[in-house]
Amino acid sequence: MKKLDNKQLNDLTPGFAITGLITAIGAIATAVTPIVGLIKTATAPTGEIKDKNATYKWEMPTPKVVKPTVDNYITF
């Protein structure tokens, strides 16, 4: 291997940063995926989680829609 001068070294340094950034994108995507799944599961009105030991199911009842009534009174 031969020693590089400063100009050649400055040309190589951004390449290492870009390579490190590309590698980090994969690691970040791998870390974010379970978090997104957890958020979707926590906000879902119905769902099921299966574990090797148990199964957890939930279902939030939908609220009943009640139409407001207005009583009209006529006075003479």
N, C-alpha and C. Protein backbone atom coordinates (compact mmCIF):
# COMPACT_ATOMS: atom_id res chain seq x y z
N MET A 1 0.84 -1.18 0.00
CA MET A 1 0.00 0.00 0.00
C MET A 1 0.88 1.24 0.00
N LYS A 2 0.47 2.22 -0.75
CA LYS A 2 1.25 3.45 -0.79
C LYS A 2 0.50 4.54 -0.03
N LYS A 3 1.26 5.45 0.48
CA LYS A 3 0.70 6.55 1.26
C LYS A 3 0.03 7.55 0.33
N LEU A 4 -1.16 8.03 0.74
CA LEU A 4 -1.91 9.00 -0.05
C LEU A 4 -1.57 10.41 0.39
N ASP A 5 -1.60 11.31 -0.57
CA ASP A 5 -1.40 12.71 -0.19
C ASP A 5 -2.75 13.29 0.28
N ASN A 6 -2.74 14.52 0.76
CA ASN A 6 -3.94 15.13 1.35
C ASN A 6 -5.08 15.28 0.34
N LYS A 7 -4.78 15.58 -0.91
CA LYS A 7 -5.85 15.75 -1.90
C LYS A 7 -6.56 14.42 -2.14
N GLN A 8 -5.82 13.36 -2.28
CA GLN A 8 -6.43 12.05 -2.48
C GLN A 8 -7.22 11.62 -1.24
N LEU A 9 -6.72 11.94 -0.08
CA LEU A 9 -7.42 11.60 1.16
C LEU A 9 -8.74 12.35 1.27
N ASN A 10 -8.74 13.62 0.87
CA ASN A 10 -9.98 14.41 0.89
C ASN A 10 -11.00 13.88 -0.11
N ASP A 11 -10.54 13.29 -1.19
CA ASP A 11 -11.46 12.71 -2.17
C ASP A 11 -12.09 11.42 -1.65
N LEU A 12 -11.42 10.69 -0.79
CA LEU A 12 -11.93 9.42 -0.28
C LEU A 12 -12.84 9.59 0.94
N THR A 13 -12.66 10.60 1.73
CA THR A 13 -13.40 10.75 2.99
C THR A 13 -14.92 10.81 2.79
N PRO A 14 -15.47 11.56 1.82
CA PRO A 14 -16.93 11.56 1.64
C PRO A 14 -17.49 10.19 1.27
N GLY A 15 -16.71 9.39 0.60
CA GLY A 15 -17.17 8.04 0.24
C GLY A 15 -17.40 7.18 1.46
N PHE A 16 -16.53 7.31 2.46
CA PHE A 16 -16.71 6.55 3.69
C PHE A 16 -17.97 7.01 4.43
N ALA A 17 -18.24 8.29 4.42
CA ALA A 17 -19.44 8.81 5.09
C ALA A 17 -20.70 8.31 4.40
N ILE A 18 -20.70 8.31 3.08
CA ILE A 18 -21.87 7.83 2.33
C ILE A 18 -22.09 6.34 2.58
N THR A 19 -21.01 5.57 2.59
CA THR A 19 -21.13 4.14 2.85
C THR A 19 -21.68 3.89 4.25
N GLY A 20 -21.20 4.63 5.22
CA GLY A 20 -21.72 4.49 6.58
C GLY A 20 -23.18 4.87 6.68
N LEU A 21 -23.59 5.90 5.96
CA LEU A 21 -24.99 6.33 5.97
C LEU A 21 -25.89 5.28 5.34
N ILE A 22 -25.46 4.70 4.25
CA ILE A 22 -26.26 3.66 3.59
C ILE A 22 -26.41 2.45 4.51
N THR A 23 -25.36 2.09 5.21
CA THR A 23 -25.42 0.98 6.15
C THR A 23 -26.36 1.30 7.30
N ALA A 24 -26.35 2.53 7.77
CA ALA A 24 -27.21 2.92 8.89
C ALA A 24 -28.68 2.93 8.50
N ILE A 25 -28.99 3.21 7.25
CA ILE A 25 -30.40 3.23 6.81
C ILE A 25 -31.02 1.85 7.00
N GLY A 26 -30.31 0.81 6.68
CA GLY A 26 -30.82 -0.55 6.88
C GLY A 26 -31.05 -0.86 8.35
N ALA A 27 -30.13 -0.44 9.20
CA ALA A 27 -30.28 -0.68 10.63
C ALA A 27 -31.45 0.11 11.21
N ILE A 28 -31.64 1.33 10.75
CA ILE A 28 -32.76 2.15 11.23
C ILE A 28 -34.08 1.54 10.79
N ALA A 29 -34.17 1.09 9.55
CA ALA A 29 -35.41 0.46 9.07
C ALA A 29 -35.72 -0.80 9.86
N THR A 30 -34.70 -1.57 10.19
CA THR A 30 -34.91 -2.78 10.98
C THR A 30 -35.39 -2.44 12.39
N ALA A 31 -34.93 -1.36 12.96
CA ALA A 31 -35.34 -0.98 14.31
C ALA A 31 -36.73 -0.36 14.33
N VAL A 32 -37.12 0.35 13.28
CA VAL A 32 -38.41 1.05 13.26
C VAL A 32 -39.57 0.11 12.96
N THR A 33 -39.34 -0.95 12.22
CA THR A 33 -40.42 -1.85 11.80
C THR A 33 -41.22 -2.42 12.97
N PRO A 34 -40.61 -2.97 14.02
CA PRO A 34 -41.42 -3.47 15.14
C PRO A 34 -42.16 -2.36 15.89
N ILE A 35 -41.59 -1.18 15.93
CA ILE A 35 -42.25 -0.06 16.62
C ILE A 35 -43.52 0.33 15.87
N VAL A 36 -43.46 0.37 14.55
CA VAL A 36 -44.65 0.70 13.75
C VAL A 36 -45.72 -0.37 13.95
N GLY A 37 -45.34 -1.63 13.97
CA GLY A 37 -46.30 -2.71 14.22
C GLY A 37 -46.94 -2.60 15.58
N LEU A 38 -46.18 -2.23 16.58
CA LEU A 38 -46.72 -2.07 17.93
C LEU A 38 -47.72 -0.92 17.98
N ILE A 39 -47.42 0.18 17.32
CA ILE A 39 -48.33 1.33 17.30
C ILE A 39 -49.62 0.96 16.57
N LYS A 40 -49.51 0.27 15.44
CA LYS A 40 -50.71 -0.14 14.71
C LYS A 40 -51.56 -1.08 15.55
N THR A 41 -50.92 -1.99 16.28
CA THR A 41 -51.66 -2.92 17.12
C THR A 41 -52.33 -2.20 18.28
N ALA A 42 -51.64 -1.25 18.87
CA ALA A 42 -52.20 -0.53 20.03
C ALA A 42 -53.37 0.35 19.65
N THR A 43 -53.41 0.84 18.43
CA THR A 43 -54.49 1.73 18.02
C THR A 43 -55.61 1.02 17.27
N ALA A 44 -55.48 -0.26 17.03
CA ALA A 44 -56.51 -1.00 16.30
C ALA A 44 -57.71 -1.27 17.20
N PRO A 45 -58.93 -1.11 16.69
CA PRO A 45 -60.12 -1.38 17.51
C PRO A 45 -60.32 -2.86 17.78
N THR A 46 -59.87 -3.72 16.89
CA THR A 46 -59.93 -5.16 17.11
C THR A 46 -58.59 -5.76 16.74
N GLY A 47 -58.29 -6.89 17.35
CA GLY A 47 -57.03 -7.51 17.00
C GLY A 47 -56.77 -8.78 17.77
N GLU A 48 -55.67 -9.40 17.43
CA GLU A 48 -55.28 -10.65 18.06
C GLU A 48 -53.76 -10.76 18.01
N ILE A 49 -53.18 -11.12 19.13
CA ILE A 49 -51.75 -11.36 19.20
C ILE A 49 -51.55 -12.79 19.66
N LYS A 50 -50.80 -13.54 18.88
CA LYS A 50 -50.54 -14.94 19.22
C LYS A 50 -49.11 -15.07 19.71
N ASP A 51 -48.99 -15.72 20.84
CA ASP A 51 -47.70 -16.02 21.42
C ASP A 51 -47.58 -17.54 21.45
N LYS A 52 -46.41 -18.06 21.73
CA LYS A 52 -46.31 -19.52 21.78
C LYS A 52 -47.02 -20.09 23.00
N ASN A 53 -47.28 -19.26 24.01
CA ASN A 53 -47.96 -19.72 25.21
C ASN A 53 -49.41 -19.29 25.30
N ALA A 54 -49.79 -18.22 24.66
CA ALA A 54 -51.15 -17.69 24.82
C ALA A 54 -51.57 -16.91 23.59
N THR A 55 -52.87 -16.65 23.52
CA THR A 55 -53.44 -15.82 22.47
C THR A 55 -54.23 -14.72 23.13
N TYR A 56 -54.01 -13.50 22.71
CA TYR A 56 -54.70 -12.34 23.27
C TYR A 56 -55.57 -11.73 22.19
N LYS A 57 -56.87 -11.60 22.50
CA LYS A 57 -57.80 -10.99 21.56
C LYS A 57 -58.47 -9.81 22.24
N TRP A 58 -58.81 -8.81 21.45
CA TRP A 58 -59.57 -7.69 21.98
C TRP A 58 -60.48 -7.14 20.90
N GLU A 59 -61.56 -6.56 21.36
CA GLU A 59 -62.51 -5.93 20.45
C GLU A 59 -63.18 -4.80 21.20
N MET A 60 -62.96 -3.61 20.73
CA MET A 60 -63.61 -2.45 21.35
C MET A 60 -64.98 -2.28 20.72
N PRO A 61 -66.01 -2.18 21.55
CA PRO A 61 -67.34 -2.01 20.97
C PRO A 61 -67.47 -0.65 20.29
N THR A 62 -68.22 -0.64 19.21
CA THR A 62 -68.44 0.63 18.53
C THR A 62 -69.49 1.43 19.29
N PRO A 63 -69.28 2.70 19.46
CA PRO A 63 -70.26 3.49 20.20
C PRO A 63 -71.56 3.62 19.40
N LYS A 64 -72.66 3.62 20.14
CA LYS A 64 -73.96 3.76 19.49
C LYS A 64 -74.15 5.21 19.07
N VAL A 65 -74.67 5.37 17.89
CA VAL A 65 -74.94 6.71 17.37
C VAL A 65 -76.36 7.09 17.77
N VAL A 66 -76.48 8.15 18.52
CA VAL A 66 -77.78 8.62 18.97
C VAL A 66 -78.05 9.96 18.32
N LYS A 67 -79.16 10.05 17.62
CA LYS A 67 -79.51 11.31 16.98
C LYS A 67 -80.10 12.24 18.03
N PRO A 68 -79.65 13.46 18.05
CA PRO A 68 -80.22 14.39 19.03
C PRO A 68 -81.66 14.75 18.65
N THR A 69 -82.50 14.80 19.65
CA THR A 69 -83.89 15.18 19.40
C THR A 69 -84.12 16.58 19.93
N VAL A 70 -84.92 17.31 19.21
CA VAL A 70 -85.25 18.67 19.62
C VAL A 70 -86.77 18.72 19.83
N ASP A 71 -87.17 19.10 21.01
CA ASP A 71 -88.59 19.22 21.30
C ASP A 71 -89.05 20.63 20.97
N ASN A 72 -90.06 20.70 20.17
CA ASN A 72 -90.63 22.00 19.80
C ASN A 72 -91.89 22.22 20.63
N TYR A 73 -91.92 23.30 21.35
CA TYR A 73 -93.08 23.65 22.16
C TYR A 73 -93.74 24.89 21.57
N ILE A 74 -95.03 24.81 21.43
CA ILE A 74 -95.78 25.96 20.93
C ILE A 74 -96.65 26.48 22.07
N THR A 75 -96.53 27.74 22.34
CA THR A 75 -97.36 28.34 23.39
C THR A 75 -98.30 29.35 22.77
N PHE A 76 -99.51 29.45 23.32
CA PHE A 76 -100.51 30.42 22.85
C PHE A 76 -100.80 31.40 23.92
